[in-house]
ModelCIF file with pLDDT and N, C-alpha, C, O atoms, coordinates in Angstrom:
data_MODEL
#
_entry.id   MODEL 
#
_entity.id                         1 
_entity.type                       polymer 
_entity.pdbx_number_of_molecules   1 
#
_entity_poly.entity_id                      1 
_entity_poly.type                           'polypeptide(L)' 
_entity_poly.nstd_linkage                   no 
_entity_poly.nstd_monomer                   no 
_entity_poly.pdbx_seq_one_letter_code       APSSLSDAEAAGLTVAYQTAWFGLHRRAALQRGEWLL 
_entity_poly.pdbx_seq_one_letter_code_can   APSSLSDAEAAGLTVAYQTAWFGLHRRAALQRGEWLL 
_entity_poly.pdbx_strand_id                 A 
#
loop_
_entity_poly_seq.entity_id 
_entity_poly_seq.num 
_entity_poly_seq.mon_id 
_entity_poly_seq.hetero 
1 1  ALA n 
1 2  PRO n 
1 3  SER n 
1 4  SER n 
1 5  LEU n 
1 6  SER n 
1 7  ASP n 
1 8  ALA n 
1 9  GLU n 
1 10 ALA n 
1 11 ALA n 
1 12 GLY n 
1 13 LEU n 
1 14 THR n 
1 15 VAL n 
1 16 ALA n 
1 17 TYR n 
1 18 GLN n 
1 19 THR n 
1 20 ALA n 
1 21 TRP n 
1 22 PHE n 
1 23 GLY n 
1 24 LEU n 
1 25 HIS n 
1 26 ARG n 
1 27 ARG n 
1 28 ALA n 
1 29 ALA n 
1 30 LEU n 
1 31 GLN n 
1 32 ARG n 
1 33 GLY n 
1 34 GLU n 
1 35 TRP n 
1 36 LEU n 
1 37 LEU n 
#
_struct_asym.id          A 
_struct_asym.entity_id   1 
#
loop_
_ma_qa_metric.id 
_ma_qa_metric.mode 
_ma_qa_metric.name 
_ma_qa_metric.software_group_id 
_ma_qa_metric.type 
1 global pLDDT . pLDDT 
2 local  pLDDT . pLDDT 
#
_ma_qa_metric_global.metric_id      1 
_ma_qa_metric_global.metric_value   96.11 
_ma_qa_metric_global.model_id       1 
_ma_qa_metric_global.ordinal_id     1 
#
loop_
_ma_qa_metric_local.label_asym_id 
_ma_qa_metric_local.label_comp_id 
_ma_qa_metric_local.label_seq_id 
_ma_qa_metric_local.metric_id 
_ma_qa_metric_local.metric_value 
_ma_qa_metric_local.model_id 
_ma_qa_metric_local.ordinal_id 
A ALA 1  2 95.00 1 1  
A PRO 2  2 94.00 1 2  
A SER 3  2 92.00 1 3  
A SER 4  2 93.00 1 4  
A LEU 5  2 95.00 1 5  
A SER 6  2 96.00 1 6  
A ASP 7  2 96.00 1 7  
A ALA 8  2 96.00 1 8  
A GLU 9  2 96.00 1 9  
A ALA 10 2 96.00 1 10 
A ALA 11 2 95.00 1 11 
A GLY 12 2 93.00 1 12 
A LEU 13 2 93.00 1 13 
A THR 14 2 93.00 1 14 
A VAL 15 2 92.00 1 15 
A ALA 16 2 92.00 1 16 
A TYR 17 2 96.00 1 17 
A GLN 18 2 96.00 1 18 
A THR 19 2 96.00 1 19 
A ALA 20 2 97.00 1 20 
A TRP 21 2 98.00 1 21 
A PHE 22 2 98.00 1 22 
A GLY 23 2 98.00 1 23 
A LEU 24 2 98.00 1 24 
A HIS 25 2 97.00 1 25 
A ARG 26 2 97.00 1 26 
A ARG 27 2 98.00 1 27 
A ALA 28 2 98.00 1 28 
A ALA 29 2 98.00 1 29 
A LEU 30 2 98.00 1 30 
A GLN 31 2 98.00 1 31 
A ARG 32 2 98.00 1 32 
A GLY 33 2 98.00 1 33 
A GLU 34 2 98.00 1 34 
A TRP 35 2 98.00 1 35 
A LEU 36 2 98.00 1 36 
A LEU 37 2 98.00 1 37 
#
loop_
_atom_site.group_PDB 
_atom_site.id 
_atom_site.type_symbol 
_atom_site.label_atom_id 
_atom_site.label_alt_id 
_atom_site.label_comp_id 
_atom_site.label_asym_id 
_atom_site.label_entity_id 
_atom_site.label_seq_id 
_atom_site.pdbx_PDB_ins_code 
_atom_site.Cartn_x 
_atom_site.Cartn_y 
_atom_site.Cartn_z 
_atom_site.occupancy 
_atom_site.B_iso_or_equiv 
_atom_site.pdbx_formal_charge 
_atom_site.auth_seq_id 
_atom_site.auth_comp_id 
_atom_site.auth_asym_id 
_atom_site.auth_atom_id 
_atom_site.pdbx_PDB_model_num 
ATOM 1   N N  . ALA A 1 1  ? -135.836 80.958 41.666 1.00 95.00 ? 1  ALA A N  1 
ATOM 2   C CA . ALA A 1 1  ? -134.605 80.338 42.175 1.00 95.00 ? 1  ALA A CA 1 
ATOM 3   C C  . ALA A 1 1  ? -134.944 79.024 42.869 1.00 95.00 ? 1  ALA A C  1 
ATOM 4   O O  . ALA A 1 1  ? -135.889 78.974 43.656 1.00 95.00 ? 1  ALA A O  1 
ATOM 5   N N  . PRO A 1 2  ? -134.184 77.947 42.592 1.00 94.00 ? 2  PRO A N  1 
ATOM 6   C CA . PRO A 1 2  ? -134.445 76.680 43.287 1.00 94.00 ? 2  PRO A CA 1 
ATOM 7   C C  . PRO A 1 2  ? -134.349 76.854 44.793 1.00 94.00 ? 2  PRO A C  1 
ATOM 8   O O  . PRO A 1 2  ? -133.374 77.413 45.294 1.00 94.00 ? 2  PRO A O  1 
ATOM 9   N N  . SER A 1 3  ? -135.339 76.387 45.506 1.00 92.00 ? 3  SER A N  1 
ATOM 10  C CA . SER A 1 3  ? -135.357 76.542 46.962 1.00 92.00 ? 3  SER A CA 1 
ATOM 11  C C  . SER A 1 3  ? -134.247 75.741 47.634 1.00 92.00 ? 3  SER A C  1 
ATOM 12  O O  . SER A 1 3  ? -133.918 75.992 48.793 1.00 92.00 ? 3  SER A O  1 
ATOM 13  N N  . SER A 1 4  ? -133.671 74.788 46.923 1.00 93.00 ? 4  SER A N  1 
ATOM 14  C CA . SER A 1 4  ? -132.622 73.938 47.492 1.00 93.00 ? 4  SER A CA 1 
ATOM 15  C C  . SER A 1 4  ? -131.271 74.638 47.559 1.00 93.00 ? 4  SER A C  1 
ATOM 16  O O  . SER A 1 4  ? -130.347 74.128 48.194 1.00 93.00 ? 4  SER A O  1 
ATOM 17  N N  . LEU A 1 5  ? -131.138 75.792 46.918 1.00 95.00 ? 5  LEU A N  1 
ATOM 18  C CA . LEU A 1 5  ? -129.847 76.475 46.837 1.00 95.00 ? 5  LEU A CA 1 
ATOM 19  C C  . LEU A 1 5  ? -129.835 77.751 47.670 1.00 95.00 ? 5  LEU A C  1 
ATOM 20  O O  . LEU A 1 5  ? -130.825 78.480 47.714 1.00 95.00 ? 5  LEU A O  1 
ATOM 21  N N  . SER A 1 6  ? -128.715 78.016 48.327 1.00 96.00 ? 6  SER A N  1 
ATOM 22  C CA . SER A 1 6  ? -128.515 79.269 49.041 1.00 96.00 ? 6  SER A CA 1 
ATOM 23  C C  . SER A 1 6  ? -128.334 80.402 48.038 1.00 96.00 ? 6  SER A C  1 
ATOM 24  O O  . SER A 1 6  ? -128.198 80.153 46.840 1.00 96.00 ? 6  SER A O  1 
ATOM 25  N N  . ASP A 1 7  ? -128.331 81.649 48.519 1.00 96.00 ? 7  ASP A N  1 
ATOM 26  C CA . ASP A 1 7  ? -128.100 82.777 47.623 1.00 96.00 ? 7  ASP A CA 1 
ATOM 27  C C  . ASP A 1 7  ? -126.755 82.657 46.913 1.00 96.00 ? 7  ASP A C  1 
ATOM 28  O O  . ASP A 1 7  ? -126.673 82.879 45.704 1.00 96.00 ? 7  ASP A O  1 
ATOM 29  N N  . ALA A 1 8  ? -125.703 82.310 47.648 1.00 96.00 ? 8  ALA A N  1 
ATOM 30  C CA . ALA A 1 8  ? -124.370 82.217 47.044 1.00 96.00 ? 8  ALA A CA 1 
ATOM 31  C C  . ALA A 1 8  ? -124.349 81.164 45.947 1.00 96.00 ? 8  ALA A C  1 
ATOM 32  O O  . ALA A 1 8  ? -123.704 81.353 44.916 1.00 96.00 ? 8  ALA A O  1 
ATOM 33  N N  . GLU A 1 9  ? -125.051 80.056 46.163 1.00 96.00 ? 9  GLU A N  1 
ATOM 34  C CA . GLU A 1 9  ? -125.098 79.008 45.150 1.00 96.00 ? 9  GLU A CA 1 
ATOM 35  C C  . GLU A 1 9  ? -125.986 79.409 43.978 1.00 96.00 ? 9  GLU A C  1 
ATOM 36  O O  . GLU A 1 9  ? -125.597 79.264 42.819 1.00 96.00 ? 9  GLU A O  1 
ATOM 37  N N  . ALA A 1 10 ? -127.176 79.913 44.282 1.00 96.00 ? 10 ALA A N  1 
ATOM 38  C CA . ALA A 1 10 ? -128.135 80.247 43.231 1.00 96.00 ? 10 ALA A CA 1 
ATOM 39  C C  . ALA A 1 10 ? -127.631 81.368 42.327 1.00 96.00 ? 10 ALA A C  1 
ATOM 40  O O  . ALA A 1 10 ? -127.999 81.431 41.154 1.00 96.00 ? 10 ALA A O  1 
ATOM 41  N N  . ALA A 1 11 ? -126.792 82.251 42.864 1.00 95.00 ? 11 ALA A N  1 
ATOM 42  C CA . ALA A 1 11 ? -126.263 83.350 42.053 1.00 95.00 ? 11 ALA A CA 1 
ATOM 43  C C  . ALA A 1 11 ? -125.506 82.834 40.844 1.00 95.00 ? 11 ALA A C  1 
ATOM 44  O O  . ALA A 1 11 ? -125.461 83.504 39.812 1.00 95.00 ? 11 ALA A O  1 
ATOM 45  N N  . GLY A 1 12 ? -124.909 81.649 40.952 1.00 93.00 ? 12 GLY A N  1 
ATOM 46  C CA . GLY A 1 12 ? -124.098 81.103 39.872 1.00 93.00 ? 12 GLY A CA 1 
ATOM 47  C C  . GLY A 1 12 ? -124.786 80.053 39.036 1.00 93.00 ? 12 GLY A C  1 
ATOM 48  O O  . GLY A 1 12 ? -124.113 79.279 38.355 1.00 93.00 ? 12 GLY A O  1 
ATOM 49  N N  . LEU A 1 13 ? -126.111 79.996 39.063 1.00 93.00 ? 13 LEU A N  1 
ATOM 50  C CA . LEU A 1 13 ? -126.828 78.928 38.358 1.00 93.00 ? 13 LEU A CA 1 
ATOM 51  C C  . LEU A 1 13 ? -127.130 79.258 36.902 1.00 93.00 ? 13 LEU A C  1 
ATOM 52  O O  . LEU A 1 13 ? -127.200 78.351 36.073 1.00 93.00 ? 13 LEU A O  1 
ATOM 53  N N  . THR A 1 14 ? -127.309 80.527 36.572 1.00 93.00 ? 14 THR A N  1 
ATOM 54  C CA . THR A 1 14 ? -127.849 80.868 35.254 1.00 93.00 ? 14 THR A CA 1 
ATOM 55  C C  . THR A 1 14 ? -126.838 80.727 34.130 1.00 93.00 ? 14 THR A C  1 
ATOM 56  O O  . THR A 1 14 ? -127.023 79.888 33.249 1.00 93.00 ? 14 THR A O  1 
ATOM 57  N N  . VAL A 1 15 ? -125.775 81.521 34.132 1.00 92.00 ? 15 VAL A N  1 
ATOM 58  C CA . VAL A 1 15 ? -124.880 81.584 32.983 1.00 92.00 ? 15 VAL A CA 1 
ATOM 59  C C  . VAL A 1 15 ? -124.082 80.295 32.813 1.00 92.00 ? 15 VAL A C  1 
ATOM 60  O O  . VAL A 1 15 ? -124.114 79.690 31.741 1.00 92.00 ? 15 VAL A O  1 
ATOM 61  N N  . ALA A 1 16 ? -123.372 79.867 33.847 1.00 92.00 ? 16 ALA A N  1 
ATOM 62  C CA . ALA A 1 16 ? -122.509 78.697 33.722 1.00 92.00 ? 16 ALA A CA 1 
ATOM 63  C C  . ALA A 1 16 ? -123.305 77.435 33.421 1.00 92.00 ? 16 ALA A C  1 
ATOM 64  O O  . ALA A 1 16 ? -122.951 76.676 32.519 1.00 92.00 ? 16 ALA A O  1 
ATOM 65  N N  . TYR A 1 17 ? -124.371 77.210 34.166 1.00 96.00 ? 17 TYR A N  1 
ATOM 66  C CA . TYR A 1 17 ? -125.110 75.958 34.001 1.00 96.00 ? 17 TYR A CA 1 
ATOM 67  C C  . TYR A 1 17 ? -125.930 75.939 32.717 1.00 96.00 ? 17 TYR A C  1 
ATOM 68  O O  . TYR A 1 17 ? -126.066 74.886 32.094 1.00 96.00 ? 17 TYR A O  1 
ATOM 69  N N  . GLN A 1 18 ? -126.479 77.083 32.310 1.00 96.00 ? 18 GLN A N  1 
ATOM 70  C CA . GLN A 1 18 ? -127.168 77.077 31.021 1.00 96.00 ? 18 GLN A CA 1 
ATOM 71  C C  . GLN A 1 18 ? -126.173 76.946 29.877 1.00 96.00 ? 18 GLN A C  1 
ATOM 72  O O  . GLN A 1 18 ? -126.461 76.284 28.880 1.00 96.00 ? 18 GLN A O  1 
ATOM 73  N N  . THR A 1 19 ? -125.008 77.569 30.010 1.00 96.00 ? 19 THR A N  1 
ATOM 74  C CA . THR A 1 19 ? -123.972 77.392 28.996 1.00 96.00 ? 19 THR A CA 1 
ATOM 75  C C  . THR A 1 19 ? -123.605 75.920 28.867 1.00 96.00 ? 19 THR A C  1 
ATOM 76  O O  . THR A 1 19 ? -123.534 75.391 27.757 1.00 96.00 ? 19 THR A O  1 
ATOM 77  N N  . ALA A 1 20 ? -123.374 75.262 29.984 1.00 97.00 ? 20 ALA A N  1 
ATOM 78  C CA . ALA A 1 20 ? -123.016 73.845 29.955 1.00 97.00 ? 20 ALA A CA 1 
ATOM 79  C C  . ALA A 1 20 ? -124.173 73.001 29.429 1.00 97.00 ? 20 ALA A C  1 
ATOM 80  O O  . ALA A 1 20 ? -123.963 72.078 28.642 1.00 97.00 ? 20 ALA A O  1 
ATOM 81  N N  . TRP A 1 21 ? -125.398 73.319 29.864 1.00 98.00 ? 21 TRP A N  1 
ATOM 82  C CA . TRP A 1 21 ? -126.561 72.536 29.421 1.00 98.00 ? 21 TRP A CA 1 
ATOM 83  C C  . TRP A 1 21 ? -126.731 72.618 27.912 1.00 98.00 ? 21 TRP A C  1 
ATOM 84  O O  . TRP A 1 21 ? -126.910 71.596 27.251 1.00 98.00 ? 21 TRP A O  1 
ATOM 85  N N  . PHE A 1 22 ? -126.676 73.834 27.360 1.00 98.00 ? 22 PHE A N  1 
ATOM 86  C CA . PHE A 1 22 ? -126.831 73.987 25.910 1.00 98.00 ? 22 PHE A CA 1 
ATOM 87  C C  . PHE A 1 22 ? -125.663 73.359 25.160 1.00 98.00 ? 22 PHE A C  1 
ATOM 88  O O  . PHE A 1 22 ? -125.852 72.760 24.101 1.00 98.00 ? 22 PHE A O  1 
ATOM 89  N N  . GLY A 1 23 ? -124.458 73.495 25.706 1.00 98.00 ? 23 GLY A N  1 
ATOM 90  C CA . GLY A 1 23 ? -123.302 72.909 25.040 1.00 98.00 ? 23 GLY A CA 1 
ATOM 91  C C  . GLY A 1 23 ? -123.388 71.393 24.966 1.00 98.00 ? 23 GLY A C  1 
ATOM 92  O O  . GLY A 1 23 ? -123.128 70.805 23.916 1.00 98.00 ? 23 GLY A O  1 
ATOM 93  N N  . LEU A 1 24 ? -123.745 70.765 26.060 1.00 98.00 ? 24 LEU A N  1 
ATOM 94  C CA . LEU A 1 24 ? -123.769 69.305 26.117 1.00 98.00 ? 24 LEU A CA 1 
ATOM 95  C C  . LEU A 1 24 ? -125.010 68.708 25.466 1.00 98.00 ? 24 LEU A C  1 
ATOM 96  O O  . LEU A 1 24 ? -124.914 67.734 24.719 1.00 98.00 ? 24 LEU A O  1 
ATOM 97  N N  . HIS A 1 25 ? -126.173 69.287 25.747 1.00 97.00 ? 25 HIS A N  1 
ATOM 98  C CA . HIS A 1 25 ? -127.411 68.658 25.294 1.00 97.00 ? 25 HIS A CA 1 
ATOM 99  C C  . HIS A 1 25 ? -127.902 69.173 23.941 1.00 97.00 ? 25 HIS A C  1 
ATOM 100 O O  . HIS A 1 25 ? -128.385 68.393 23.119 1.00 97.00 ? 25 HIS A O  1 
ATOM 101 N N  . ARG A 1 26 ? -127.784 70.466 23.709 1.00 97.00 ? 26 ARG A N  1 
ATOM 102 C CA . ARG A 1 26 ? -128.292 71.024 22.459 1.00 97.00 ? 26 ARG A CA 1 
ATOM 103 C C  . ARG A 1 26 ? -127.261 70.941 21.330 1.00 97.00 ? 26 ARG A C  1 
ATOM 104 O O  . ARG A 1 26 ? -127.595 70.533 20.217 1.00 97.00 ? 26 ARG A O  1 
ATOM 105 N N  . ARG A 1 27 ? -126.024 71.321 21.604 1.00 98.00 ? 27 ARG A N  1 
ATOM 106 C CA . ARG A 1 27 ? -125.024 71.381 20.544 1.00 98.00 ? 27 ARG A CA 1 
ATOM 107 C C  . ARG A 1 27 ? -124.307 70.043 20.342 1.00 98.00 ? 27 ARG A C  1 
ATOM 108 O O  . ARG A 1 27 ? -123.997 69.687 19.205 1.00 98.00 ? 27 ARG A O  1 
ATOM 109 N N  . ALA A 1 28 ? -124.040 69.300 21.406 1.00 98.00 ? 28 ALA A N  1 
ATOM 110 C CA . ALA A 1 28 ? -123.281 68.055 21.274 1.00 98.00 ? 28 ALA A CA 1 
ATOM 111 C C  . ALA A 1 28 ? -124.140 66.802 21.350 1.00 98.00 ? 28 ALA A C  1 
ATOM 112 O O  . ALA A 1 28 ? -123.671 65.715 21.012 1.00 98.00 ? 28 ALA A O  1 
ATOM 113 N N  . ALA A 1 29 ? -125.386 66.932 21.788 1.00 98.00 ? 29 ALA A N  1 
ATOM 114 C CA . ALA A 1 29 ? -126.281 65.768 21.929 1.00 98.00 ? 29 ALA A CA 1 
ATOM 115 C C  . ALA A 1 29 ? -125.588 64.641 22.693 1.00 98.00 ? 29 ALA A C  1 
ATOM 116 O O  . ALA A 1 29 ? -125.556 63.497 22.238 1.00 98.00 ? 29 ALA A O  1 
ATOM 117 N N  . LEU A 1 30 ? -125.041 64.974 23.850 1.00 98.00 ? 30 LEU A N  1 
ATOM 118 C CA . LEU A 1 30 ? -124.323 63.996 24.674 1.00 98.00 ? 30 LEU A CA 1 
ATOM 119 C C  . LEU A 1 30 ? -125.228 62.826 25.039 1.00 98.00 ? 30 LEU A C  1 
ATOM 120 O O  . LEU A 1 30 ? -126.381 63.010 25.427 1.00 98.00 ? 30 LEU A O  1 
ATOM 121 N N  . GLN A 1 31 ? -124.678 61.608 24.905 1.00 98.00 ? 31 GLN A N  1 
ATOM 122 C CA . GLN A 1 31 ? -125.439 60.399 25.176 1.00 98.00 ? 31 GLN A CA 1 
ATOM 123 C C  . GLN A 1 31 ? -124.871 59.667 26.391 1.00 98.00 ? 31 GLN A C  1 
ATOM 124 O O  . GLN A 1 31 ? -123.685 59.768 26.703 1.00 98.00 ? 31 GLN A O  1 
ATOM 125 N N  . ARG A 1 32 ? -125.741 58.936 27.058 1.00 98.00 ? 32 ARG A N  1 
ATOM 126 C CA . ARG A 1 32 ? -125.328 58.107 28.192 1.00 98.00 ? 32 ARG A CA 1 
ATOM 127 C C  . ARG A 1 32 ? -124.220 57.141 27.750 1.00 98.00 ? 32 ARG A C  1 
ATOM 128 O O  . ARG A 1 32 ? -124.309 56.518 26.692 1.00 98.00 ? 32 ARG A O  1 
ATOM 129 N N  . GLY A 1 33 ? -123.186 57.029 28.573 1.00 98.00 ? 33 GLY A N  1 
ATOM 130 C CA . GLY A 1 33 ? -122.090 56.113 28.294 1.00 98.00 ? 33 GLY A CA 1 
ATOM 131 C C  . GLY A 1 33 ? -120.978 56.700 27.446 1.00 98.00 ? 33 GLY A C  1 
ATOM 132 O O  . GLY A 1 33 ? -119.925 56.079 27.302 1.00 98.00 ? 33 GLY A O  1 
ATOM 133 N N  . GLU A 1 34 ? -121.187 57.898 26.874 1.00 98.00 ? 34 GLU A N  1 
ATOM 134 C CA . GLU A 1 34 ? -120.136 58.512 26.062 1.00 98.00 ? 34 GLU A CA 1 
ATOM 135 C C  . GLU A 1 34 ? -119.044 59.106 26.961 1.00 98.00 ? 34 GLU A C  1 
ATOM 136 O O  . GLU A 1 34 ? -119.265 59.403 28.135 1.00 98.00 ? 34 GLU A O  1 
ATOM 137 N N  . TRP A 1 35 ? -117.874 59.263 26.369 1.00 98.00 ? 35 TRP A N  1 
ATOM 138 C CA . TRP A 1 35 ? -116.755 59.908 27.051 1.00 98.00 ? 35 TRP A CA 1 
ATOM 139 C C  . TRP A 1 35 ? -116.825 61.409 26.815 1.00 98.00 ? 35 TRP A C  1 
ATOM 140 O O  . TRP A 1 35 ? -116.890 61.865 25.674 1.00 98.00 ? 35 TRP A O  1 
ATOM 141 N N  . LEU A 1 36 ? -116.811 62.171 27.898 1.00 98.00 ? 36 LEU A N  1 
ATOM 142 C CA . LEU A 1 36 ? -116.859 63.638 27.845 1.00 98.00 ? 36 LEU A CA 1 
ATOM 143 C C  . LEU A 1 36 ? -115.560 64.193 28.415 1.00 98.00 ? 36 LEU A C  1 
ATOM 144 O O  . LEU A 1 36 ? -115.192 63.894 29.551 1.00 98.00 ? 36 LEU A O  1 
ATOM 145 N N  . LEU A 1 37 ? -114.871 64.999 27.621 1.00 98.00 ? 37 LEU A N  1 
ATOM 146 C CA . LEU A 1 37 ? -113.646 65.668 28.047 1.00 98.00 ? 37 LEU A CA 1 
ATOM 147 C C  . LEU A 1 37 ? -113.970 67.137 28.325 1.00 98.00 ? 37 LEU A C  1 
ATOM 148 O O  . LEU A 1 37 ? -113.083 67.904 28.700 1.00 98.00 ? 37 LEU A O  1 
#
């Protein structure tokens, strides 16, 4: 767990943030300057 996050914050890091990370970077290949909705 990142030491910068409290328990309440760190509890929500895995599913939501990995879902968003894979969606934006792996599936959509989001680029700097693009419009994201």
